[in-house]
Amino acid sequence: MDFADALSDMADIHLPAEPGFWPLAPGWWVLAALLLALLVYGAYRLQQRLQLHRRYRSALRELDKCLATLQANAGTDGPDMEQRLVYVNEVNSVLRRVALSHFEHNRVAGLSGQDWVAFIKQHDRAGRLTPELASALAEGRFAPRCDVDTGALHGMARDWIKNLYMAKIKPDATPETAPESSPRTKPTADHHA
């Protein structure tokens, strides 16, 4: 028997089949779990952010509605004292509801007068709370007269609400500057945790 004949009788070498993609290796399962966790967390954060934006827009609409009511009821020479007092109380109410949604209930609910104004000033990142506006917000409900500039009060309230929501939506954002015509105080470095 010849050696070449013996080799020809042998079967050829068969390589094993290529490994398939399934079942996945443990590393791929870990990666899939991490990606799923990131997607769930991202969806949760997006939902929170959208909810904050809705609440922010709702608060501004409510504030604008107060001003529109004041302007609609005003006479030809502007709003009278009673209308201004009602407007100050409505603005105070909007600010209080916004504060209650951002801070602990027991920290905000019992504030009134100068304590309420101190709280607003503490979180006034734009520095637009003037002494006249502070006096109107502190004593508006009980004051017999109210000579507050309703436009300045509206602007201060809008900025206060905006900065409060933006501090939660974008914690590292710096507050926008107030118009040059409004007096400024030094902004606080509170980040509304």
Protein backbone atom coordinates (compact mmCIF):
# COMPACT_ATOMS: atom_id res chain seq x y z
CA MET A 1 0.00 0.00 0.00
CA ASP A 2 1.27 3.26 -1.09
CA PHE A 3 1.40 6.27 1.26
CA ALA A 4 -0.37 8.53 -1.29
CA ASP A 5 -3.21 6.03 -1.60
CA ALA A 6 -3.58 5.97 2.16
CA LEU A 7 -3.91 9.77 2.32
CA SER A 8 -6.53 9.82 -0.40
CA ASP A 9 -8.73 7.45 1.59
CA MET A 10 -8.81 9.87 4.56
CA ALA A 11 -11.65 12.35 5.01
CA ASP A 12 -10.91 16.06 4.66
CA ILE A 13 -10.66 18.30 7.74
CA HIS A 14 -14.02 19.88 8.68
CA LEU A 15 -13.89 23.19 10.55
CA PRO A 16 -16.49 23.80 13.23
CA ALA A 17 -19.40 26.09 12.37
CA GLU A 18 -18.96 29.81 13.01
CA PRO A 19 -20.37 30.88 16.40
CA GLY A 20 -23.75 32.64 16.13
CA PHE A 21 -24.86 35.89 17.67
CA TRP A 22 -27.33 34.15 19.93
CA PRO A 23 -27.17 33.58 22.85
CA LEU A 24 -25.43 36.83 23.65
CA ALA A 25 -22.31 36.89 25.75
CA PRO A 26 -22.73 38.28 29.31
CA GLY A 27 -20.95 41.51 28.38
CA TRP A 28 -23.61 42.33 25.78
CA TRP A 29 -26.37 41.76 28.36
CA VAL A 30 -24.66 44.17 30.74
CA LEU A 31 -24.29 46.75 27.97
CA ALA A 32 -27.96 46.34 26.98
CA ALA A 33 -29.05 46.78 30.61
CA LEU A 34 -26.93 49.94 30.93
CA LEU A 35 -28.36 51.40 27.72
CA LEU A 36 -31.90 50.59 28.84
CA ALA A 37 -31.26 52.24 32.22
CA LEU A 38 -29.88 55.35 30.48
CA LEU A 39 -32.91 55.52 28.20
CA VAL A 40 -35.32 55.23 31.14
CA TYR A 41 -33.41 57.88 33.11
CA GLY A 42 -33.30 60.19 30.08
CA ALA A 43 -37.04 59.79 29.51
CA TYR A 44 -37.69 60.52 33.18
CA ARG A 45 -35.54 63.67 33.13
CA LEU A 46 -37.18 64.84 29.90
CA GLN A 47 -40.63 64.32 31.41
CA GLN A 48 -39.61 66.32 34.51
CA ARG A 49 -38.20 69.11 32.37
CA LEU A 50 -41.33 69.29 30.20
CA GLN A 51 -43.50 69.37 33.32
CA LEU A 52 -41.43 72.27 34.71
CA HIS A 53 -41.78 74.12 31.40
CA ARG A 54 -45.57 73.61 31.47
CA ARG A 55 -45.80 74.88 35.05
CA TYR A 56 -43.56 77.84 34.17
CA ARG A 57 -45.69 78.82 31.18
CA SER A 58 -48.86 78.35 33.21
CA ALA A 59 -47.57 80.65 35.98
CA LEU A 60 -46.63 83.34 33.45
CA ARG A 61 -50.04 83.05 31.75
CA GLU A 62 -51.73 83.47 35.10
CA LEU A 63 -49.62 86.54 35.86
CA ASP A 64 -50.34 88.02 32.43
CA LYS A 65 -54.05 87.33 32.97
CA CYS A 66 -53.92 89.39 36.19
CA LEU A 67 -52.40 92.32 34.29
CA ALA A 68 -54.90 91.97 31.44
CA THR A 69 -57.78 92.05 33.94
CA LEU A 70 -56.33 95.17 35.55
CA GLN A 71 -55.95 96.91 32.20
CA ALA A 72 -59.42 95.86 31.05
CA ASN A 73 -61.06 97.25 34.19
CA ALA A 74 -59.00 100.46 34.27
CA GLY A 75 -60.59 103.74 33.42
CA THR A 76 -59.32 106.28 30.92
CA ASP A 77 -56.86 107.72 33.44
CA GLY A 78 -55.53 104.29 34.51
CA PRO A 79 -56.42 101.90 37.30
CA ASP A 80 -57.78 103.34 40.52
CA MET A 81 -56.53 102.48 44.02
CA GLU A 82 -58.93 99.61 44.56
CA GLN A 83 -57.99 98.02 41.23
CA ARG A 84 -54.29 98.32 42.06
CA LEU A 85 -54.85 96.72 45.45
CA VAL A 86 -56.69 93.82 43.81
CA TYR A 87 -53.85 93.48 41.29
CA VAL A 88 -51.17 93.45 44.02
CA ASN A 89 -53.08 90.73 45.88
CA GLU A 90 -53.49 88.66 42.70
CA VAL A 91 -49.76 88.94 41.95
CA ASN A 92 -49.00 88.01 45.56
CA SER A 93 -51.24 84.97 45.17
CA VAL A 94 -49.46 83.84 41.99
CA LEU A 95 -46.04 84.31 43.60
CA ARG A 96 -47.13 82.34 46.66
CA ARG A 97 -48.43 79.43 44.56
CA VAL A 98 -45.17 79.33 42.61
CA ALA A 99 -43.18 79.40 45.86
CA LEU A 100 -45.31 76.61 47.32
CA SER A 101 -44.59 74.44 44.29
CA HIS A 102 -40.82 75.00 44.61
CA PHE A 103 -40.18 74.97 48.34
CA GLU A 104 -41.32 73.02 51.35
CA HIS A 105 -44.86 73.87 52.41
CA ASN A 106 -43.93 74.70 56.01
CA ARG A 107 -41.21 77.07 54.80
CA VAL A 108 -43.54 79.21 52.66
CA ALA A 109 -47.16 78.80 53.78
CA GLY A 110 -46.92 80.79 57.01
CA LEU A 111 -45.01 83.75 55.59
CA SER A 112 -46.69 87.13 55.47
CA GLY A 113 -45.77 90.80 55.55
CA GLN A 114 -42.06 91.52 55.83
CA ASP A 115 -41.19 87.83 56.21
CA TRP A 116 -42.83 87.13 52.83
CA VAL A 117 -40.95 90.03 51.25
CA ALA A 118 -37.66 88.81 52.78
CA PHE A 119 -38.33 85.39 51.25
CA ILE A 120 -39.01 86.93 47.84
CA LYS A 121 -35.90 89.09 48.12
CA GLN A 122 -33.80 86.08 49.12
CA HIS A 123 -34.76 84.35 45.87
CA ASP A 124 -34.78 87.47 43.65
CA ARG A 125 -31.83 86.65 41.40
CA ALA A 126 -32.58 89.57 39.06
CA GLY A 127 -32.57 92.12 41.90
CA ARG A 128 -35.74 93.90 40.77
CA LEU A 129 -37.54 94.03 44.13
CA THR A 130 -37.48 97.73 44.95
CA PRO A 131 -38.55 99.11 48.35
CA GLU A 132 -41.80 100.39 46.81
CA LEU A 133 -42.65 96.97 45.38
CA ALA A 134 -41.63 95.28 48.63
CA SER A 135 -43.92 97.57 50.60
CA ALA A 136 -46.82 96.89 48.23
CA LEU A 137 -46.32 93.11 48.48
CA ALA A 138 -45.94 93.20 52.28
CA GLU A 139 -48.86 95.50 53.06
CA GLY A 140 -51.03 95.32 49.93
CA ARG A 141 -53.80 93.28 51.46
CA PHE A 142 -54.25 95.67 54.39
CA ALA A 143 -53.20 98.98 52.89
CA PRO A 144 -55.88 101.63 52.32
CA ARG A 145 -53.92 103.07 49.36
CA CYS A 146 -51.63 101.55 46.78
CA ASP A 147 -49.55 103.74 44.50
CA VAL A 148 -47.46 100.89 43.10
CA ASP A 149 -46.19 100.95 39.53
CA THR A 150 -48.10 97.96 38.14
CA GLY A 151 -45.72 97.59 35.19
CA ALA A 152 -42.70 97.37 37.49
CA LEU A 153 -44.51 94.89 39.74
CA HIS A 154 -45.45 92.77 36.74
CA GLY A 155 -41.85 92.81 35.43
CA MET A 156 -40.43 91.91 38.84
CA ALA A 157 -42.91 89.05 39.28
CA ARG A 158 -42.18 87.68 35.78
CA ASP A 159 -38.42 87.77 36.41
CA TRP A 160 -38.82 86.18 39.84
CA ILE A 161 -40.90 83.32 38.43
CA LYS A 162 -38.61 82.91 35.44
CA ASN A 163 -35.44 82.77 37.51
CA LEU A 164 -37.00 80.35 39.98
CA TYR A 165 -37.99 77.92 37.23
CA MET A 166 -34.81 78.39 35.21
CA ALA A 167 -32.75 77.58 38.32
CA LYS A 168 -34.45 74.18 38.34
CA ILE A 169 -34.45 73.64 34.58
CA LYS A 170 -30.88 74.82 34.03
CA PRO A 171 -29.15 74.88 37.45
CA ASP A 172 -25.89 76.27 36.08
CA ALA A 173 -27.50 79.14 34.12
CA THR A 174 -26.73 82.67 35.20
CA PRO A 175 -29.66 85.05 35.66
CA GLU A 176 -30.35 87.49 32.88
CA THR A 177 -29.66 91.11 33.60
CA ALA A 178 -32.54 93.36 34.48
CA PRO A 179 -33.25 96.45 32.39
CA GLU A 180 -30.97 99.36 33.18
CA SER A 181 -33.89 101.54 34.26
CA SER A 182 -34.69 99.35 37.27
CA PRO A 183 -32.68 99.65 40.45
CA ARG A 184 -30.57 96.63 41.24
CA THR A 185 -29.53 94.98 44.42
CA LYS A 186 -26.80 92.41 44.78
CA PRO A 187 -28.12 89.02 43.58
CA THR A 188 -27.92 86.13 46.00
CA ALA A 189 -26.02 82.96 45.23
CA ASP A 190 -28.91 80.63 46.09
CA HIS A 191 -29.30 77.68 43.74
CA HIS A 192 -32.74 76.40 44.86
CA ALA A 193 -31.86 72.80 45.51
